[in-house]
Protein backbone atom coordinates (compact mmCIF):
# COMPACT_ATOMS: atom_id res chain seq x y z
CA UNK A 1 -7.32 12.03 9.15
CA UNK A 2 -8.64 8.48 8.76
CA UNK A 3 -9.44 7.02 5.36
CA UNK A 4 -11.36 3.93 4.42
CA UNK A 5 -10.51 2.28 1.12
CA UNK A 6 -13.35 0.09 -0.08
CA UNK A 7 -11.51 -1.61 -2.90
CA UNK A 8 -8.11 -2.26 -1.28
CA UNK A 9 -6.50 -5.32 -2.80
CA UNK A 10 -3.56 -5.61 -0.43
CA UNK A 11 -3.91 -5.97 3.28
CA UNK A 12 -1.25 -6.01 5.91
CA UNK A 13 -1.79 -7.79 9.19
CA UNK A 14 -0.60 -6.02 12.30
CA UNK A 15 -1.17 -9.00 14.58
CA UNK A 16 1.10 -11.92 13.71
CA UNK A 17 0.74 -14.16 16.72
CA UNK A 18 -2.47 -15.36 18.33
CA UNK A 19 -1.69 -17.97 20.98
CA UNK A 20 -3.83 -21.04 21.43
CA UNK A 21 -5.25 -20.68 24.93
CA UNK A 22 -4.98 -24.43 25.50
CA UNK A 23 -1.30 -24.63 24.53
CA UNK A 24 1.46 -24.88 27.10
CA UNK A 25 2.82 -21.37 27.98
CA UNK A 26 6.37 -22.58 27.37
CA UNK A 27 5.39 -23.82 23.89
CA UNK A 28 3.71 -20.45 23.21
CA UNK A 29 6.94 -18.61 24.15
CA UNK A 30 8.95 -20.93 21.90
CA UNK A 31 6.58 -20.27 18.97
CA UNK A 32 6.71 -16.51 19.62
CA UNK A 33 10.52 -16.72 19.55
CA UNK A 34 10.46 -18.58 16.24
CA UNK A 35 8.01 -16.07 14.78
CA UNK A 36 10.18 -13.17 15.92
CA UNK A 37 13.10 -14.77 14.06
CA UNK A 38 10.91 -15.14 10.94
CA UNK A 39 9.80 -11.51 11.20
CA UNK A 40 13.39 -10.36 11.61
CA UNK A 41 14.51 -12.40 8.59
CA UNK A 42 11.74 -10.79 6.51
CA UNK A 43 12.80 -7.35 7.77
CA UNK A 44 16.45 -7.98 6.96
CA UNK A 45 15.61 -9.25 3.46
CA UNK A 46 13.32 -6.29 2.76
CA UNK A 47 15.91 -3.85 4.06
CA UNK A 48 18.60 -5.40 1.85
CA UNK A 49 16.48 -5.55 -1.32
CA UNK A 50 14.47 -2.36 -0.92
CA UNK A 51 17.44 -0.43 0.42
CA UNK A 52 18.85 -0.74 -3.08
CA UNK A 53 16.09 1.60 -4.27
CA UNK A 54 17.97 4.40 -2.64
CA UNK A 55 16.34 7.23 -0.79
CA UNK A 56 12.74 8.34 -0.97
CA UNK A 57 13.07 12.05 -1.53
CA UNK A 58 10.13 14.25 -0.54
CA UNK A 59 9.79 15.50 -4.13
CA UNK A 60 9.46 11.97 -5.48
CA UNK A 61 6.90 11.02 -2.83
CA UNK A 62 4.94 14.18 -3.64
CA UNK A 63 5.00 13.37 -7.38
CA UNK A 64 3.62 9.89 -6.66
CA UNK A 65 0.92 11.31 -4.38
CA UNK A 66 0.00 13.91 -7.03
CA UNK A 67 -0.11 11.30 -9.79
CA UNK A 68 -2.40 9.17 -7.61
CA UNK A 69 -4.72 12.11 -6.92
CA UNK A 70 -4.86 13.01 -10.61
CA UNK A 71 -5.63 9.41 -11.56
CA UNK A 72 -8.47 9.31 -9.05
CA UNK A 73 -9.80 12.63 -10.39
CA UNK A 74 -9.71 11.37 -14.00
CA UNK A 75 -11.58 8.21 -13.01
CA UNK A 76 -14.31 10.08 -11.08
CA UNK A 77 -14.67 12.84 -13.69
CA UNK A 78 -15.09 10.20 -16.41
CA UNK A 79 -17.67 8.38 -14.31
CA UNK A 80 -19.62 11.58 -13.82
CA UNK A 81 -19.52 12.34 -17.58
CA UNK A 82 -20.70 8.84 -18.43
CA UNK A 83 -23.45 8.78 -15.83
CA UNK A 84 -24.87 12.04 -17.22
CA UNK A 85 -25.82 10.11 -20.34
CA UNK A 86 -27.34 7.13 -18.48
CA UNK A 87 -26.00 3.62 -18.34
CA UNK A 88 -22.49 3.20 -19.71
CA UNK A 89 -21.76 1.35 -22.91
CA UNK A 90 -19.38 -1.62 -22.86
CA UNK A 91 -16.63 0.62 -24.23
CA UNK A 92 -17.27 3.30 -21.59
CA UNK A 93 -17.26 0.67 -18.83
CA UNK A 94 -13.91 -0.52 -20.17
CA UNK A 95 -12.55 3.01 -20.06
CA UNK A 96 -13.73 3.37 -16.47
CA UNK A 97 -12.11 0.07 -15.55
CA UNK A 98 -8.79 1.20 -17.04
CA UNK A 99 -8.94 4.51 -15.19
CA UNK A 100 -9.85 2.84 -11.89
CA UNK A 101 -7.07 0.27 -12.34
CA UNK A 102 -4.54 3.07 -12.93
CA UNK A 103 -5.73 4.85 -9.79
CA UNK A 104 -5.65 1.70 -7.69
CA UNK A 105 -2.20 0.71 -8.88
CA UNK A 106 -0.78 4.16 -8.13
CA UNK A 107 -2.53 4.10 -4.75
CA UNK A 108 -1.04 0.71 -3.88
CA UNK A 109 2.40 1.91 -4.98
CA UNK A 110 2.05 4.98 -2.74
CA UNK A 111 0.95 2.80 0.18
CA UNK A 112 3.82 0.43 -0.53
CA UNK A 113 6.35 3.27 -0.54
CA UNK A 114 4.85 4.71 2.66
CA UNK A 115 5.20 1.32 4.33
CA UNK A 116 8.80 0.98 3.15
CA UNK A 117 9.56 4.33 4.77
CA UNK A 118 7.62 3.46 7.92
CA UNK A 119 9.45 0.18 8.32
CA UNK A 120 12.86 1.73 7.66
CA UNK A 121 13.53 -0.20 4.48
CA UNK A 122 14.00 3.06 2.53
CA UNK A 123 15.33 6.32 3.93
CA UNK A 124 13.03 9.34 3.63
CA UNK A 125 14.73 12.60 2.70
CA UNK A 126 12.63 15.68 3.60
CA UNK A 127 12.46 18.60 1.20
CA UNK A 128 15.17 21.23 1.57
CA UNK A 129 14.00 24.27 3.51
């Protein structure tokens, strides 16, 4: 299932190297080699630091996903309640902002954890059968 997040604050680039078509092929290979070293250093640092978080147990990941879903529901329910009365007051707009911020922060944390698991920085432990 594909999802589009309109208000995503963090973006991760999948393409790191775009060669200059006018550059010497040997220079391009050298740059690629340097960038691979940089990427590996970043990987090793992340693995060392984030590995200290321990394991990502399925139950903990599920709790984070559930908290994110509940935060989104609270935000949308509040928006629906406010919109029923017309334009929001300054106080109501502030409440919505706080609820949206909570949802977005939890969503970013979930995406961050997912990426840590995907990259192998943190070990995922499936639920016991």
